[in-house]
Amino acid sequence: MDVDIRQNLQNTLDTLNSIVLGKPREIKLALTAVLGGGHLLIEDLPGMGKTTLAQAMSKVLGLSHQRIQFTSDVLPSDVLGVTVFSQIDGEFSFHQGPIFCNLLLADEINRTTPKSQSALLEAMEEGSVTTEGVTRELPDPFFVIATQNPNHQTGTYPLPESQLDRFLLRVQLGYPDSASERILLESGNRRNLIASCDAVLDGEKVKALQHEVSLLRVSEELLDYLQRLAEFTRQSEALRYGLSPRGVMAVLSAAKAWAYIAGRDYVIPEDIQAIFSSATDHRLRDQSGKTMSTHLSIGEWIVTQVDVIN
């Protein structure tokens, strides 16, 4: 890896860690989603720093960004844009919605209706939107960083499986440790620091990093291991359904990005294990009454059940 690129990545992580305190693993996962070319879902209780992390990433990555605060009255046209008639020139013209940017912050995405949620589906999968029969390309690169509150909270609309599957990774921030919370109490709102942050990357650098990540070497033995993990999810009686081919490819993309951030040009089993839960927990469901573990997530449990070497 080029020394300058290595320094850029480290500067990106350092800046994000200076804003969102005590969450180095979660921040590394967030950057993994970007380098892996996927979208990121940040899920947690209100006030945990979800929006702060999303806004900090948009600033540090140096990408054009827009933010949508999703509520129950947000319409698809509020996301995609609308065609209006001009009485001055007597023509229809399309007014772009906030989705026409490099990085869209979809805040509290599960507080809007399924109809508005689905407006993001084509954009997240194809990098384009179709309105009134016309397909329009989105800027490249294009990412969605969405935040959502737990589904048991009042006024939420759970994301359907088809929408969840569009997210490469899902992360949860959780409560801060005691030392980090003390800094928060002493220094105040961390969002105030975002405005003073400098952009470390830009769109072209992000695309170049994504290309390098895609070139990382993956051995036949590692692909065998990944396929065994996938097959386990499809055969286990503890799960309602297994990983789809797209889900398996998402695991590989995230593992490559995780390895790249670690400074390697090849993937090892520990890379898959490190990201497996974040890449699969939102894609899998356990069978009712079949408790796998009281302290492990679905993905963490699966990793304990499949040997690295067959």
Protein backbone atom coordinates (compact mmCIF):
# COMPACT_ATOMS: atom_id res chain seq x y z
CA MET A 1 0.00 0.00 0.00
CA ASP A 2 1.25 3.47 -0.89
CA VAL A 3 2.59 5.40 2.13
CA ASP A 4 0.40 8.42 1.36
CA ILE A 5 -2.71 6.25 1.10
CA ARG A 6 -1.84 4.56 4.40
CA GLN A 7 -1.46 7.98 6.02
CA ASN A 8 -4.76 9.17 4.55
CA LEU A 9 -6.58 6.18 6.00
CA GLN A 10 -4.97 6.65 9.39
CA ASN A 11 -5.80 10.36 9.38
CA THR A 12 -9.40 9.50 8.52
CA LEU A 13 -9.65 7.07 11.43
CA ASP A 14 -7.90 9.47 13.83
CA THR A 15 -10.26 12.32 12.94
CA LEU A 16 -13.37 10.19 13.33
CA ASN A 17 -12.12 8.80 16.65
CA SER A 18 -11.53 12.33 17.93
CA ILE A 19 -15.20 13.15 17.31
CA VAL A 20 -16.96 9.90 18.24
CA LEU A 21 -15.17 8.83 21.39
CA GLY A 22 -14.50 5.31 22.57
CA LYS A 23 -15.80 3.53 19.45
CA PRO A 24 -12.70 2.59 17.39
CA ARG A 25 -14.09 -0.74 16.19
CA GLU A 26 -17.42 0.75 15.11
CA ILE A 27 -15.64 3.57 13.28
CA LYS A 28 -13.37 1.08 11.51
CA LEU A 29 -16.46 -0.87 10.45
CA ALA A 30 -18.04 2.32 9.11
CA LEU A 31 -14.96 3.03 6.99
CA THR A 32 -14.97 -0.61 5.92
CA ALA A 33 -18.46 -0.17 4.47
CA VAL A 34 -17.32 2.81 2.39
CA LEU A 35 -14.16 1.12 1.08
CA GLY A 36 -16.16 -2.01 0.38
CA GLY A 37 -18.44 0.03 -1.87
CA GLY A 38 -21.56 -0.49 0.22
CA HIS A 39 -24.07 1.34 2.33
CA LEU A 40 -24.01 1.62 6.11
CA LEU A 41 -26.83 1.25 8.62
CA ILE A 42 -26.22 2.64 12.12
CA GLU A 43 -28.77 1.34 14.60
CA ASP A 44 -29.13 2.34 18.23
CA LEU A 45 -31.14 4.27 20.78
CA PRO A 46 -31.57 8.04 20.36
CA GLY A 47 -28.66 10.11 21.62
CA MET A 48 -25.93 7.52 21.08
CA GLY A 49 -24.03 9.47 18.41
CA LYS A 50 -25.45 7.87 15.26
CA THR A 51 -26.01 11.14 13.41
CA THR A 52 -22.75 12.59 14.71
CA LEU A 53 -20.79 9.69 13.21
CA ALA A 54 -22.66 9.96 9.90
CA GLN A 55 -22.07 13.72 9.66
CA ALA A 56 -18.41 13.37 10.64
CA MET A 57 -17.87 10.75 7.93
CA SER A 58 -19.41 12.95 5.26
CA LYS A 59 -17.06 15.79 6.22
CA VAL A 60 -13.86 13.75 6.54
CA LEU A 61 -14.45 11.83 3.31
CA GLY A 62 -14.74 15.12 1.42
CA LEU A 63 -17.88 14.11 -0.47
CA SER A 64 -20.88 16.17 -1.47
CA HIS A 65 -23.61 15.28 0.98
CA GLN A 66 -27.23 15.89 1.84
CA ARG A 67 -29.27 15.01 4.89
CA ILE A 68 -32.89 13.90 5.07
CA GLN A 69 -34.66 13.81 8.41
CA PHE A 70 -37.18 11.05 7.78
CA THR A 71 -40.61 11.45 9.33
CA SER A 72 -43.96 9.83 8.66
CA ASP A 73 -44.98 12.58 6.21
CA VAL A 74 -41.88 12.41 3.97
CA LEU A 75 -42.88 11.50 0.40
CA PRO A 76 -40.79 9.70 -2.27
CA SER A 77 -40.64 12.97 -4.23
CA ASP A 78 -39.01 14.60 -1.19
CA VAL A 79 -36.16 12.13 -1.65
CA LEU A 80 -35.89 11.70 -5.41
CA GLY A 81 -37.09 15.04 -6.76
CA VAL A 82 -40.08 16.24 -8.72
CA THR A 83 -40.97 17.46 -12.21
CA VAL A 84 -42.63 20.88 -12.26
CA PHE A 85 -44.14 23.00 -15.00
CA SER A 86 -42.70 26.46 -15.56
CA GLN A 87 -45.26 29.02 -16.68
CA ILE A 88 -42.45 31.28 -17.84
CA ASP A 89 -40.98 29.04 -20.53
CA GLY A 90 -43.93 26.64 -20.82
CA GLU A 91 -41.84 23.53 -20.21
CA PHE A 92 -41.53 20.80 -17.61
CA SER A 93 -38.24 20.56 -15.73
CA PHE A 94 -36.94 18.12 -13.16
CA HIS A 95 -35.86 19.48 -9.78
CA GLN A 96 -33.38 17.09 -8.20
CA GLY A 97 -34.05 15.77 -4.74
CA PRO A 98 -31.42 15.47 -1.99
CA ILE A 99 -30.50 11.97 -3.15
CA PHE A 100 -28.40 13.51 -5.94
CA CYS A 101 -25.17 13.67 -3.93
CA ASN A 102 -22.19 11.46 -3.12
CA LEU A 103 -23.26 10.70 0.42
CA LEU A 104 -26.84 10.75 1.64
CA LEU A 105 -27.49 10.87 5.38
CA ALA A 106 -30.83 9.15 5.86
CA ASP A 107 -31.58 10.08 9.46
CA GLU A 108 -34.04 7.86 11.34
CA ILE A 109 -34.96 5.99 8.18
CA ASN A 110 -37.38 3.72 10.00
CA ARG A 111 -39.56 6.66 11.05
CA THR A 112 -40.88 7.09 7.53
CA THR A 113 -43.41 4.95 5.69
CA PRO A 114 -42.47 1.88 3.61
CA LYS A 115 -43.39 3.80 0.45
CA SER A 116 -40.76 6.44 1.14
CA GLN A 117 -38.24 3.84 2.31
CA SER A 118 -38.63 2.00 -0.99
CA ALA A 119 -37.72 5.18 -2.88
CA LEU A 120 -34.13 4.43 -1.89
CA LEU A 121 -34.08 0.86 -3.19
CA GLU A 122 -33.15 1.51 -6.81
CA ALA A 123 -30.67 4.19 -5.84
CA MET A 124 -28.87 1.93 -3.36
CA GLU A 125 -28.68 -0.99 -5.77
CA GLU A 126 -28.26 0.61 -9.18
CA GLY A 127 -26.81 4.05 -8.48
CA SER A 128 -29.68 5.63 -10.39
CA VAL A 129 -33.28 6.73 -9.86
CA THR A 130 -36.27 6.51 -12.16
CA THR A 131 -38.98 9.15 -11.98
CA GLU A 132 -41.87 9.45 -14.42
CA GLY A 133 -40.23 6.89 -16.72
CA VAL A 134 -36.89 8.68 -16.92
CA THR A 135 -33.76 7.11 -15.39
CA ARG A 136 -31.18 9.51 -14.00
CA GLU A 137 -27.70 8.54 -12.87
CA LEU A 138 -26.51 9.49 -9.41
CA PRO A 139 -23.04 10.91 -8.71
CA ASP A 140 -20.21 8.39 -8.43
CA PRO A 141 -19.36 7.38 -5.74
CA PHE A 142 -22.76 7.18 -4.05
CA PHE A 143 -23.34 6.00 -0.49
CA VAL A 144 -26.22 5.93 1.94
CA ILE A 145 -25.44 6.19 5.62
CA ALA A 146 -28.74 5.57 7.38
CA THR A 147 -29.55 5.73 11.06
CA GLN A 148 -32.45 4.00 12.70
CA ASN A 149 -33.88 3.60 16.17
CA PRO A 150 -34.79 0.18 17.61
CA ASN A 151 -37.99 -1.12 16.06
CA HIS A 152 -39.77 -1.45 19.38
CA GLN A 153 -39.85 2.33 19.77
CA THR A 154 -43.02 4.28 19.09
CA GLY A 155 -43.54 5.56 15.55
CA THR A 156 -41.11 3.27 13.74
CA TYR A 157 -41.67 1.27 10.56
CA PRO A 158 -39.36 -1.77 10.45
CA LEU A 159 -37.23 -1.91 7.31
CA PRO A 160 -38.23 -4.88 5.11
CA GLU A 161 -35.67 -7.58 4.34
CA SER A 162 -35.25 -6.28 0.79
CA GLN A 163 -34.20 -2.89 2.14
CA LEU A 164 -31.95 -4.27 4.87
CA ASP A 165 -30.15 -6.42 2.31
CA ARG A 166 -28.99 -3.27 0.50
CA PHE A 167 -26.81 -2.32 3.46
CA LEU A 168 -23.33 -3.81 3.39
CA LEU A 169 -22.88 -3.47 7.15
CA ARG A 170 -24.95 -2.65 10.20
CA VAL A 171 -23.25 -1.28 13.30
CA GLN A 172 -24.47 -0.44 16.78
CA LEU A 173 -22.63 2.14 18.85
CA GLY A 174 -23.86 1.33 22.35
CA TYR A 175 -23.23 3.31 25.51
CA PRO A 176 -19.86 5.05 25.88
CA ASP A 177 -17.30 3.85 28.38
CA SER A 178 -16.84 5.86 31.56
CA ALA A 179 -13.74 7.74 30.38
CA SER A 180 -15.34 8.76 27.08
CA GLU A 181 -18.54 9.86 28.78
CA ARG A 182 -16.53 12.03 31.20
CA ILE A 183 -14.90 13.80 28.23
CA LEU A 184 -18.36 14.37 26.76
CA LEU A 185 -19.57 15.88 30.01
CA GLU A 186 -16.55 18.15 30.25
CA SER A 187 -16.29 19.23 26.61
CA GLY A 188 -19.90 19.34 25.44
CA ASN A 189 -21.50 18.41 22.12
CA ARG A 190 -19.03 16.69 19.77
CA ARG A 191 -20.93 17.85 16.68
CA ASN A 192 -19.40 21.28 17.18
CA LEU A 193 -16.04 19.78 16.19
CA ILE A 194 -17.26 18.59 12.79
CA ALA A 195 -17.32 22.06 11.24
CA SER A 196 -13.63 22.56 12.03
CA CYS A 197 -12.56 19.21 10.54
CA ASP A 198 -10.67 19.15 7.27
CA ALA A 199 -11.55 16.73 4.50
CA VAL A 200 -8.93 13.97 4.34
CA LEU A 201 -10.22 12.25 1.20
CA ASP A 202 -12.35 13.19 -1.80
CA GLY A 203 -14.49 11.41 -4.36
CA GLU A 204 -11.63 10.39 -6.64
CA LYS A 205 -9.51 9.13 -3.75
CA VAL A 206 -12.42 7.12 -2.39
CA LYS A 207 -12.97 5.51 -5.81
CA ALA A 208 -9.27 4.72 -6.07
CA LEU A 209 -9.31 3.10 -2.63
CA GLN A 210 -12.35 1.03 -3.56
CA HIS A 211 -10.54 -0.18 -6.68
CA GLU A 212 -7.49 -1.23 -4.67
CA VAL A 213 -9.70 -3.05 -2.19
CA SER A 214 -11.35 -5.00 -5.01
CA LEU A 215 -7.91 -6.26 -6.13
CA LEU A 216 -6.99 -7.89 -2.83
CA ARG A 217 -5.95 -11.53 -3.08
CA VAL A 218 -8.29 -14.20 -1.75
CA SER A 219 -7.09 -17.80 -1.56
CA GLU A 220 -9.11 -20.84 -2.58
CA GLU A 221 -9.01 -22.03 1.03
CA LEU A 222 -10.53 -18.79 2.23
CA LEU A 223 -13.33 -19.01 -0.32
CA ASP A 224 -13.96 -22.57 0.89
CA TYR A 225 -14.27 -21.25 4.44
CA LEU A 226 -16.68 -18.53 3.36
CA GLN A 227 -18.82 -21.03 1.48
CA ARG A 228 -18.94 -23.30 4.53
CA LEU A 229 -20.20 -20.39 6.61
CA ALA A 230 -22.88 -19.66 4.03
CA GLU A 231 -23.90 -23.31 3.78
CA PHE A 232 -24.21 -23.53 7.55
CA THR A 233 -26.70 -20.65 7.57
CA ARG A 234 -28.76 -22.40 4.91
CA GLN A 235 -28.88 -25.74 6.70
CA SER A 236 -29.15 -24.69 10.33
CA GLU A 237 -32.50 -25.38 11.98
CA ALA A 238 -31.88 -22.41 14.25
CA LEU A 239 -32.28 -19.97 11.35
CA ARG A 240 -35.37 -19.16 9.29
CA TYR A 241 -33.33 -18.78 6.11
CA GLY A 242 -29.71 -18.61 5.06
CA LEU A 243 -27.45 -16.08 3.43
CA SER A 244 -28.26 -15.18 -0.16
CA PRO A 245 -25.47 -15.06 -2.77
CA ARG A 246 -25.55 -11.26 -2.45
CA GLY A 247 -25.07 -11.63 1.29
CA VAL A 248 -22.05 -13.89 0.78
CA MET A 249 -20.53 -11.41 -1.66
CA ALA A 250 -21.13 -8.64 0.88
CA VAL A 251 -19.14 -10.58 3.48
CA LEU A 252 -16.24 -10.95 1.05
CA SER A 253 -16.29 -7.25 0.07
CA ALA A 254 -16.29 -6.18 3.72
CA ALA A 255 -13.52 -8.65 4.60
CA LYS A 256 -11.35 -7.24 1.80
CA ALA A 257 -11.89 -3.69 3.04
CA TRP A 258 -11.12 -4.70 6.63
CA ALA A 259 -7.89 -6.36 5.48
CA TYR A 260 -6.96 -3.30 3.43
CA ILE A 261 -7.40 -0.98 6.40
CA ALA A 262 -5.13 -3.34 8.34
CA GLY A 263 -2.45 -2.75 5.69
CA ARG A 264 -2.58 -6.12 3.94
CA ASP A 265 -3.10 -6.95 0.25
CA TYR A 266 -4.62 -10.34 1.05
CA VAL A 267 -7.51 -11.60 3.18
CA ILE A 268 -7.20 -13.97 6.13
CA PRO A 269 -9.91 -15.85 8.06
CA GLU A 270 -9.73 -13.34 10.90
CA ASP A 271 -10.90 -10.63 8.49
CA ILE A 272 -14.07 -12.59 7.72
CA GLN A 273 -14.62 -13.29 11.40
CA ALA A 274 -14.14 -9.63 12.32
CA ILE A 275 -16.89 -8.35 10.03
CA PHE A 276 -19.17 -11.38 9.78
CA SER A 277 -21.65 -10.32 12.43
CA SER A 278 -21.96 -6.77 11.09
CA ALA A 279 -22.44 -8.09 7.56
CA THR A 280 -24.98 -10.81 8.38
CA ASP A 281 -27.00 -10.05 11.52
CA HIS A 282 -29.41 -7.81 9.59
CA ARG A 283 -29.73 -10.43 6.85
CA LEU A 284 -30.58 -13.42 9.05
CA ARG A 285 -33.40 -14.31 11.46
CA ASP A 286 -33.43 -16.98 14.13
CA GLN A 287 -36.26 -19.43 14.54
CA SER A 288 -38.65 -18.61 17.36
CA GLY A 289 -37.84 -20.65 20.42
CA LYS A 290 -34.42 -21.79 19.21
CA THR A 291 -32.08 -19.69 21.33
CA MET A 292 -28.53 -19.92 20.05
CA SER A 293 -26.80 -18.03 22.84
CA THR A 294 -27.57 -15.48 25.49
CA HIS A 295 -24.53 -13.34 24.77
CA LEU A 296 -23.66 -13.81 21.09
CA SER A 297 -25.27 -12.28 18.04
CA ILE A 298 -26.38 -14.54 15.19
CA GLY A 299 -23.22 -13.88 13.20
CA GLU A 300 -20.93 -14.35 16.19
CA TRP A 301 -22.62 -17.66 16.96
CA ILE A 302 -22.25 -18.89 13.37
CA VAL A 303 -18.51 -18.19 13.40
CA THR A 304 -18.14 -20.41 16.48
CA GLN A 305 -19.88 -23.29 14.69
CA VAL A 306 -17.77 -23.48 11.51
CA ASP A 307 -14.12 -24.50 11.48
CA VAL A 308 -11.63 -22.48 9.45
CA ILE A 309 -10.09 -25.69 8.08
CA ASN A 310 -12.43 -28.33 6.73
